[in-house]
Amino acid sequence: MWASEPELLEQGSLWAELGMTLGGDQPPEWSAYCGLVCGMTYTTLRRREQAMLCLERSVVDLDGIEGCDSLRVAARGLLAVHEVLSGDR
């Protein structure tokens, strides 16, 4: 699986971190979207802790925004999967 290649793991992590950094200076909707993409990226890279942090941030941002139901459901759904897999639920 490609996620086990060290260079690709590192590059994917750098891109995810960059996405979260760039998203932080944007409107809440964009920041929440960046958090969701970051969470999905870390999920693919099998980095659950980082994925959960990104998804939690995305959920917090989305809870304060009206009209972003599909993003909210996606972020909460993936976060719930991580919580179940980590034994938090």
C-alpha atoms as a PDB file:
ATOM      1  CA  MET A   1       0.000   0.000   0.000  1.00  0.00           C
ATOM      2  CA  TRP A   2       1.353   3.434  -0.905  1.00  0.00           C
ATOM      3  CA  ALA A   3       0.775   4.817   2.605  1.00  0.00           C
ATOM      4  CA  SER A   4       3.662   2.673   3.832  1.00  0.00           C
ATOM      5  CA  GLU A   5       6.169   4.441   1.569  1.00  0.00           C
ATOM      6  CA  PRO A   6       8.132   6.779   3.901  1.00  0.00           C
ATOM      7  CA  GLU A   7       8.602   9.604   1.384  1.00  0.00           C
ATOM      8  CA  LEU A   8       4.944   9.604   0.420  1.00  0.00           C
ATOM      9  CA  LEU A   9       3.836   9.489   4.040  1.00  0.00           C
ATOM     10  CA  GLU A  10       5.985  12.492   4.811  1.00  0.00           C
ATOM     11  CA  GLN A  11       4.823  14.425   1.745  1.00  0.00           C
ATOM     12  CA  GLY A  12       1.161  13.695   2.490  1.00  0.00           C
ATOM     13  CA  SER A  13       1.597  14.858   6.065  1.00  0.00           C
ATOM     14  CA  LEU A  14       3.263  18.068   4.923  1.00  0.00           C
ATOM     15  CA  TRP A  15       0.414  18.784   2.512  1.00  0.00           C
ATOM     16  CA  ALA A  16      -2.183  18.123   5.221  1.00  0.00           C
ATOM     17  CA  GLU A  17      -0.398  20.449   7.654  1.00  0.00           C
ATOM     18  CA  LEU A  18      -0.110  23.110   4.971  1.00  0.00           C
ATOM     19  CA  GLY A  19      -3.819  22.795   4.200  1.00  0.00           C
ATOM     20  CA  MET A  20      -4.746  23.305   7.842  1.00  0.00           C
ATOM     21  CA  THR A  21      -2.400  26.281   8.123  1.00  0.00           C
ATOM     22  CA  LEU A  22      -3.757  27.948   4.989  1.00  0.00           C
ATOM     23  CA  GLY A  23      -7.346  27.193   5.980  1.00  0.00           C
ATOM     24  CA  GLY A  24      -6.937  28.883   9.341  1.00  0.00           C
ATOM     25  CA  ASP A  25      -6.766  32.338   7.759  1.00  0.00           C
ATOM     26  CA  GLN A  26      -9.917  31.820   5.697  1.00  0.00           C
ATOM     27  CA  PRO A  27     -13.637  32.223   6.446  1.00  0.00           C
ATOM     28  CA  PRO A  28     -15.037  29.524   8.779  1.00  0.00           C
ATOM     29  CA  GLU A  29     -16.650  27.587   5.908  1.00  0.00           C
ATOM     30  CA  TRP A  30     -13.334  27.263   4.109  1.00  0.00           C
ATOM     31  CA  SER A  31     -11.444  26.484   7.312  1.00  0.00           C
ATOM     32  CA  ALA A  32     -13.952  23.719   8.098  1.00  0.00           C
ATOM     33  CA  TYR A  33     -13.586  22.283   4.599  1.00  0.00           C
ATOM     34  CA  CYS A  34      -9.790  22.275   4.971  1.00  0.00           C
ATOM     35  CA  GLY A  35     -10.182  20.463   8.297  1.00  0.00           C
ATOM     36  CA  LEU A  36     -12.339  17.800   6.654  1.00  0.00           C
ATOM     37  CA  VAL A  37      -9.864  17.276   3.803  1.00  0.00           C
ATOM     38  CA  CYS A  38      -6.999  17.185   6.290  1.00  0.00           C
ATOM     39  CA  GLY A  39      -8.869  14.597   8.367  1.00  0.00           C
ATOM     40  CA  MET A  40      -9.475  12.458   5.295  1.00  0.00           C
ATOM     41  CA  THR A  41      -5.808  12.776   4.298  1.00  0.00           C
ATOM     42  CA  TYR A  42      -4.557  11.691   7.714  1.00  0.00           C
ATOM     43  CA  THR A  43      -7.097   8.845   7.690  1.00  0.00           C
ATOM     44  CA  THR A  44      -5.616   7.613   4.416  1.00  0.00           C
ATOM     45  CA  LEU A  45      -2.133   7.906   5.906  1.00  0.00           C
ATOM     46  CA  ARG A  46      -3.270   5.891   8.947  1.00  0.00           C
ATOM     47  CA  ARG A  47      -2.566   8.729  11.364  1.00  0.00           C
ATOM     48  CA  ARG A  48      -5.657   8.557  13.515  1.00  0.00           C
ATOM     49  CA  GLU A  49      -4.665  11.075  16.180  1.00  0.00           C
ATOM     50  CA  GLN A  50      -3.905  13.803  13.638  1.00  0.00           C
ATOM     51  CA  ALA A  51      -7.056  12.932  11.684  1.00  0.00           C
ATOM     52  CA  MET A  52      -9.204  13.263  14.788  1.00  0.00           C
ATOM     53  CA  LEU A  53      -7.692  16.654  15.655  1.00  0.00           C
ATOM     54  CA  CYS A  54      -8.449  17.985  12.165  1.00  0.00           C
ATOM     55  CA  LEU A  55     -11.968  16.553  12.176  1.00  0.00           C
ATOM     56  CA  GLU A  56     -12.722  17.899  15.659  1.00  0.00           C
ATOM     57  CA  ARG A  57     -11.656  21.365  14.543  1.00  0.00           C
ATOM     58  CA  SER A  58     -13.805  21.049  11.442  1.00  0.00           C
ATOM     59  CA  VAL A  59     -16.851  19.992  13.489  1.00  0.00           C
ATOM     60  CA  VAL A  60     -16.402  22.952  15.857  1.00  0.00           C
ATOM     61  CA  ASP A  61     -16.178  25.345  12.905  1.00  0.00           C
ATOM     62  CA  LEU A  62     -19.192  23.778  11.192  1.00  0.00           C
ATOM     63  CA  ASP A  63     -21.386  23.808  14.297  1.00  0.00           C
ATOM     64  CA  GLY A  64     -21.311  27.593  14.152  1.00  0.00           C
ATOM     65  CA  ILE A  65     -22.261  27.810  10.461  1.00  0.00           C
ATOM     66  CA  GLU A  66     -25.762  27.580   9.048  1.00  0.00           C
ATOM     67  CA  GLY A  67     -26.230  25.765   5.750  1.00  0.00           C
ATOM     68  CA  CYS A  68     -23.207  23.453   5.718  1.00  0.00           C
ATOM     69  CA  ASP A  69     -25.101  20.290   6.584  1.00  0.00           C
ATOM     70  CA  SER A  70     -23.333  17.984   4.124  1.00  0.00           C
ATOM     71  CA  LEU A  71     -19.872  19.032   5.327  1.00  0.00           C
ATOM     72  CA  ARG A  72     -21.004  18.709   8.954  1.00  0.00           C
ATOM     73  CA  VAL A  73     -22.350  15.196   8.366  1.00  0.00           C
ATOM     74  CA  ALA A  74     -19.155  14.132   6.571  1.00  0.00           C
ATOM     75  CA  ALA A  75     -16.892  15.495   9.321  1.00  0.00           C
ATOM     76  CA  ARG A  76     -19.007  14.072  12.165  1.00  0.00           C
ATOM     77  CA  GLY A  77     -19.340  10.707  10.406  1.00  0.00           C
ATOM     78  CA  LEU A  78     -15.624  10.238   9.855  1.00  0.00           C
ATOM     79  CA  LEU A  79     -14.874  11.480  13.375  1.00  0.00           C
ATOM     80  CA  ALA A  80     -17.365   8.933  14.761  1.00  0.00           C
ATOM     81  CA  VAL A  81     -15.590   6.133  12.871  1.00  0.00           C
ATOM     82  CA  HIS A  82     -12.281   7.168  14.428  1.00  0.00           C
ATOM     83  CA  GLU A  83     -13.854   7.360  17.885  1.00  0.00           C
ATOM     84  CA  VAL A  84     -15.263   3.846  17.537  1.00  0.00           C
ATOM     85  CA  LEU A  85     -11.953   2.455  16.260  1.00  0.00           C
ATOM     86  CA  SER A  86      -9.983   4.125  19.048  1.00  0.00           C
ATOM     87  CA  GLY A  87     -12.392   2.841  21.726  1.00  0.00           C
ATOM     88  CA  ASP A  88     -13.659   6.301  22.712  1.00  0.00           C
ATOM     89  CA  ARG A  89     -17.261   5.213  22.092  1.00  0.00           C
END
